[in-house]
Amino acid sequence: MTSSGPPTDPTPGFHERVLALVARIPEGRVMTYGQLALLAGNPGAARQAGFVLNSLVGGSDLPWQRVINAQGRVSTHKVGFGDMQERLLMAEGVEFRDGRCDLATRQWWPDEDRAAPPAPLL
């Protein structure tokens, strides 16, 4: 039996965890679909993370554009949003060379938040 719809939620709460992570990605930084799935508690569920994000395009304030593939490329060209995603990322300072962004400098991990020194009290 084959299913024509998106895959079901791989683990309880996966959808919500994906959205919470996307909300935290800083401007000018990116995550990969696989990284997002890993951090949301289901390693290997990159495709399911993509389905969660596909529901956001054009109708959400969440920075969906900050999630790209493991090669540093935008994967949304096939669904008609690739040019828009690249423009949104470039407006944040993300550069693309030969269709790729440099994951070594642009990929964000939530642990970076904990490593940052606290802001001084004014």
C-alpha atoms as a PDB file:
ATOM      1  CA  MET A   1       0.000   0.000   0.000  1.00  0.00           C
ATOM      2  CA  THR A   2       1.394   3.385  -0.925  1.00  0.00           C
ATOM      3  CA  SER A   3       0.512   6.739   0.513  1.00  0.00           C
ATOM      4  CA  SER A   4       0.099   9.853  -1.592  1.00  0.00           C
ATOM      5  CA  GLY A   5       0.286  12.309   1.301  1.00  0.00           C
ATOM      6  CA  PRO A   6       3.168  13.484   3.451  1.00  0.00           C
ATOM      7  CA  PRO A   7       4.724  10.987   5.842  1.00  0.00           C
ATOM      8  CA  THR A   8       3.194  10.777   9.263  1.00  0.00           C
ATOM      9  CA  ASP A   9       4.831  12.399  12.285  1.00  0.00           C
ATOM     10  CA  PRO A  10       7.840  10.108  12.916  1.00  0.00           C
ATOM     11  CA  THR A  11       7.847  10.711  16.673  1.00  0.00           C
ATOM     12  CA  PRO A  12       5.276  12.392  18.908  1.00  0.00           C
ATOM     13  CA  GLY A  13       5.851  16.142  18.955  1.00  0.00           C
ATOM     14  CA  PHE A  14       8.276  16.109  16.014  1.00  0.00           C
ATOM     15  CA  HIS A  15       6.288  18.758  14.107  1.00  0.00           C
ATOM     16  CA  GLU A  16       6.301  21.130  17.082  1.00  0.00           C
ATOM     17  CA  ARG A  17      10.010  20.589  17.792  1.00  0.00           C
ATOM     18  CA  VAL A  18      10.891  21.305  14.159  1.00  0.00           C
ATOM     19  CA  LEU A  19       8.945  24.569  14.258  1.00  0.00           C
ATOM     20  CA  ALA A  20      10.508  25.580  17.592  1.00  0.00           C
ATOM     21  CA  LEU A  21      13.998  25.002  16.190  1.00  0.00           C
ATOM     22  CA  VAL A  22      13.296  26.930  12.993  1.00  0.00           C
ATOM     23  CA  ALA A  23      12.082  29.860  15.077  1.00  0.00           C
ATOM     24  CA  ARG A  24      15.501  30.010  16.791  1.00  0.00           C
ATOM     25  CA  ILE A  25      17.728  30.056  13.691  1.00  0.00           C
ATOM     26  CA  PRO A  26      19.423  33.468  13.722  1.00  0.00           C
ATOM     27  CA  GLU A  27      19.327  35.808  10.762  1.00  0.00           C
ATOM     28  CA  GLY A  28      22.151  35.106   8.330  1.00  0.00           C
ATOM     29  CA  ARG A  29      22.560  31.504   9.504  1.00  0.00           C
ATOM     30  CA  VAL A  30      21.164  28.211   8.190  1.00  0.00           C
ATOM     31  CA  MET A  31      20.351  24.659   9.257  1.00  0.00           C
ATOM     32  CA  THR A  32      20.081  21.588   7.079  1.00  0.00           C
ATOM     33  CA  TYR A  33      16.965  19.407   6.895  1.00  0.00           C
ATOM     34  CA  GLY A  34      18.907  16.482   8.328  1.00  0.00           C
ATOM     35  CA  GLN A  35      20.301  18.578  11.154  1.00  0.00           C
ATOM     36  CA  LEU A  36      16.809  19.836  11.932  1.00  0.00           C
ATOM     37  CA  ALA A  37      15.460  16.263  12.050  1.00  0.00           C
ATOM     38  CA  LEU A  38      18.346  15.166  14.282  1.00  0.00           C
ATOM     39  CA  LEU A  39      17.842  18.019  16.732  1.00  0.00           C
ATOM     40  CA  ALA A  40      14.065  17.481  16.702  1.00  0.00           C
ATOM     41  CA  GLY A  41      14.648  13.940  17.945  1.00  0.00           C
ATOM     42  CA  ASN A  42      14.375  11.838  14.802  1.00  0.00           C
ATOM     43  CA  PRO A  43      17.703  11.363  13.016  1.00  0.00           C
ATOM     44  CA  GLY A  44      17.198  10.440   9.388  1.00  0.00           C
ATOM     45  CA  ALA A  45      13.834  12.184   9.089  1.00  0.00           C
ATOM     46  CA  ALA A  46      15.071  15.013   6.863  1.00  0.00           C
ATOM     47  CA  ARG A  47      12.239  14.480   4.384  1.00  0.00           C
ATOM     48  CA  GLN A  48       9.637  14.717   7.148  1.00  0.00           C
ATOM     49  CA  ALA A  49      11.259  17.935   8.386  1.00  0.00           C
ATOM     50  CA  GLY A  50      10.924  19.236   4.826  1.00  0.00           C
ATOM     51  CA  PHE A  51       7.220  18.419   4.794  1.00  0.00           C
ATOM     52  CA  VAL A  52       6.769  20.387   8.024  1.00  0.00           C
ATOM     53  CA  LEU A  53       8.512  23.387   6.453  1.00  0.00           C
ATOM     54  CA  ASN A  54       6.623  23.078   3.171  1.00  0.00           C
ATOM     55  CA  SER A  55       3.463  23.991   5.052  1.00  0.00           C
ATOM     56  CA  LEU A  56       5.064  27.301   6.143  1.00  0.00           C
ATOM     57  CA  VAL A  57       6.095  28.751   2.783  1.00  0.00           C
ATOM     58  CA  GLY A  58       4.246  31.978   2.124  1.00  0.00           C
ATOM     59  CA  GLY A  59       2.054  31.801   5.209  1.00  0.00           C
ATOM     60  CA  SER A  60       4.227  32.038   8.303  1.00  0.00           C
ATOM     61  CA  ASP A  61       6.462  34.443  10.147  1.00  0.00           C
ATOM     62  CA  LEU A  62       8.885  31.608  10.909  1.00  0.00           C
ATOM     63  CA  PRO A  63      12.181  31.854   8.994  1.00  0.00           C
ATOM     64  CA  TRP A  64      11.606  28.728   6.851  1.00  0.00           C
ATOM     65  CA  GLN A  65      14.092  30.071   4.307  1.00  0.00           C
ATOM     66  CA  ARG A  66      16.948  29.368   6.715  1.00  0.00           C
ATOM     67  CA  VAL A  67      16.698  25.606   6.197  1.00  0.00           C
ATOM     68  CA  ILE A  68      18.639  24.215   3.237  1.00  0.00           C
ATOM     69  CA  ASN A  69      20.012  20.862   2.110  1.00  0.00           C
ATOM     70  CA  ALA A  70      23.219  19.179   3.258  1.00  0.00           C
ATOM     71  CA  GLN A  71      25.086  20.394   0.168  1.00  0.00           C
ATOM     72  CA  GLY A  72      24.419  24.011   1.133  1.00  0.00           C
ATOM     73  CA  ARG A  73      21.846  24.390  -1.629  1.00  0.00           C
ATOM     74  CA  VAL A  74      18.266  25.573  -1.666  1.00  0.00           C
ATOM     75  CA  SER A  75      15.970  22.603  -2.321  1.00  0.00           C
ATOM     76  CA  THR A  76      12.770  24.513  -2.967  1.00  0.00           C
ATOM     77  CA  HIS A  77      13.306  25.176  -6.679  1.00  0.00           C
ATOM     78  CA  LYS A  78      11.303  22.048  -7.501  1.00  0.00           C
ATOM     79  CA  VAL A  79       8.258  23.442  -5.680  1.00  0.00           C
ATOM     80  CA  GLY A  80       8.601  26.943  -7.113  1.00  0.00           C
ATOM     81  CA  PHE A  81      10.088  28.808  -4.146  1.00  0.00           C
ATOM     82  CA  GLY A  82      13.833  28.447  -4.760  1.00  0.00           C
ATOM     83  CA  ASP A  83      14.445  31.917  -6.162  1.00  0.00           C
ATOM     84  CA  MET A  84      12.456  33.502  -3.346  1.00  0.00           C
ATOM     85  CA  GLN A  85      14.339  31.465  -0.720  1.00  0.00           C
ATOM     86  CA  GLU A  86      17.711  32.461  -2.176  1.00  0.00           C
ATOM     87  CA  ARG A  87      16.685  36.140  -2.283  1.00  0.00           C
ATOM     88  CA  LEU A  88      15.516  36.038   1.338  1.00  0.00           C
ATOM     89  CA  LEU A  89      18.780  34.443   2.445  1.00  0.00           C
ATOM     90  CA  MET A  90      20.910  36.861   0.411  1.00  0.00           C
ATOM     91  CA  ALA A  91      19.016  39.765   2.020  1.00  0.00           C
ATOM     92  CA  GLU A  92      20.260  38.359   5.361  1.00  0.00           C
ATOM     93  CA  GLY A  93      23.852  38.276   4.133  1.00  0.00           C
ATOM     94  CA  VAL A  94      24.048  34.612   3.110  1.00  0.00           C
ATOM     95  CA  GLU A  95      26.183  34.351  -0.016  1.00  0.00           C
ATOM     96  CA  PHE A  96      25.804  31.671  -2.664  1.00  0.00           C
ATOM     97  CA  ARG A  97      28.678  30.597  -4.897  1.00  0.00           C
ATOM     98  CA  ASP A  98      27.818  28.178  -7.677  1.00  0.00           C
ATOM     99  CA  GLY A  99      24.420  27.727  -6.020  1.00  0.00           C
ATOM    100  CA  ARG A 100      25.848  26.831  -2.603  1.00  0.00           C
ATOM    101  CA  CYS A 101      26.279  28.635   0.670  1.00  0.00           C
ATOM    102  CA  ASP A 102      29.294  27.894   2.846  1.00  0.00           C
ATOM    103  CA  LEU A 103      27.967  25.637   5.587  1.00  0.00           C
ATOM    104  CA  ALA A 104      31.290  25.835   7.439  1.00  0.00           C
ATOM    105  CA  THR A 105      30.601  29.503   8.203  1.00  0.00           C
ATOM    106  CA  ARG A 106      26.794  29.754   7.976  1.00  0.00           C
ATOM    107  CA  GLN A 107      25.485  26.573   9.621  1.00  0.00           C
ATOM    108  CA  TRP A 108      24.008  27.246  13.047  1.00  0.00           C
ATOM    109  CA  TRP A 109      23.868  24.863  16.000  1.00  0.00           C
ATOM    110  CA  PRO A 110      21.718  25.693  19.053  1.00  0.00           C
ATOM    111  CA  ASP A 111      24.705  25.097  21.356  1.00  0.00           C
ATOM    112  CA  GLU A 112      26.127  28.353  20.004  1.00  0.00           C
ATOM    113  CA  ASP A 113      23.421  30.141  22.010  1.00  0.00           C
ATOM    114  CA  ARG A 114      24.778  28.680  25.250  1.00  0.00           C
ATOM    115  CA  ALA A 115      28.354  29.577  24.381  1.00  0.00           C
ATOM    116  CA  ALA A 116      27.585  33.252  23.890  1.00  0.00           C
ATOM    117  CA  PRO A 117      28.428  35.465  26.888  1.00  0.00           C
ATOM    118  CA  PRO A 118      25.456  37.043  28.624  1.00  0.00           C
ATOM    119  CA  ALA A 119      24.599  40.579  27.602  1.00  0.00           C
ATOM    120  CA  PRO A 120      25.724  43.205  30.108  1.00  0.00           C
ATOM    121  CA  LEU A 121      23.057  44.641  32.365  1.00  0.00           C
ATOM    122  CA  LEU A 122      22.366  48.292  31.739  1.00  0.00           C
END
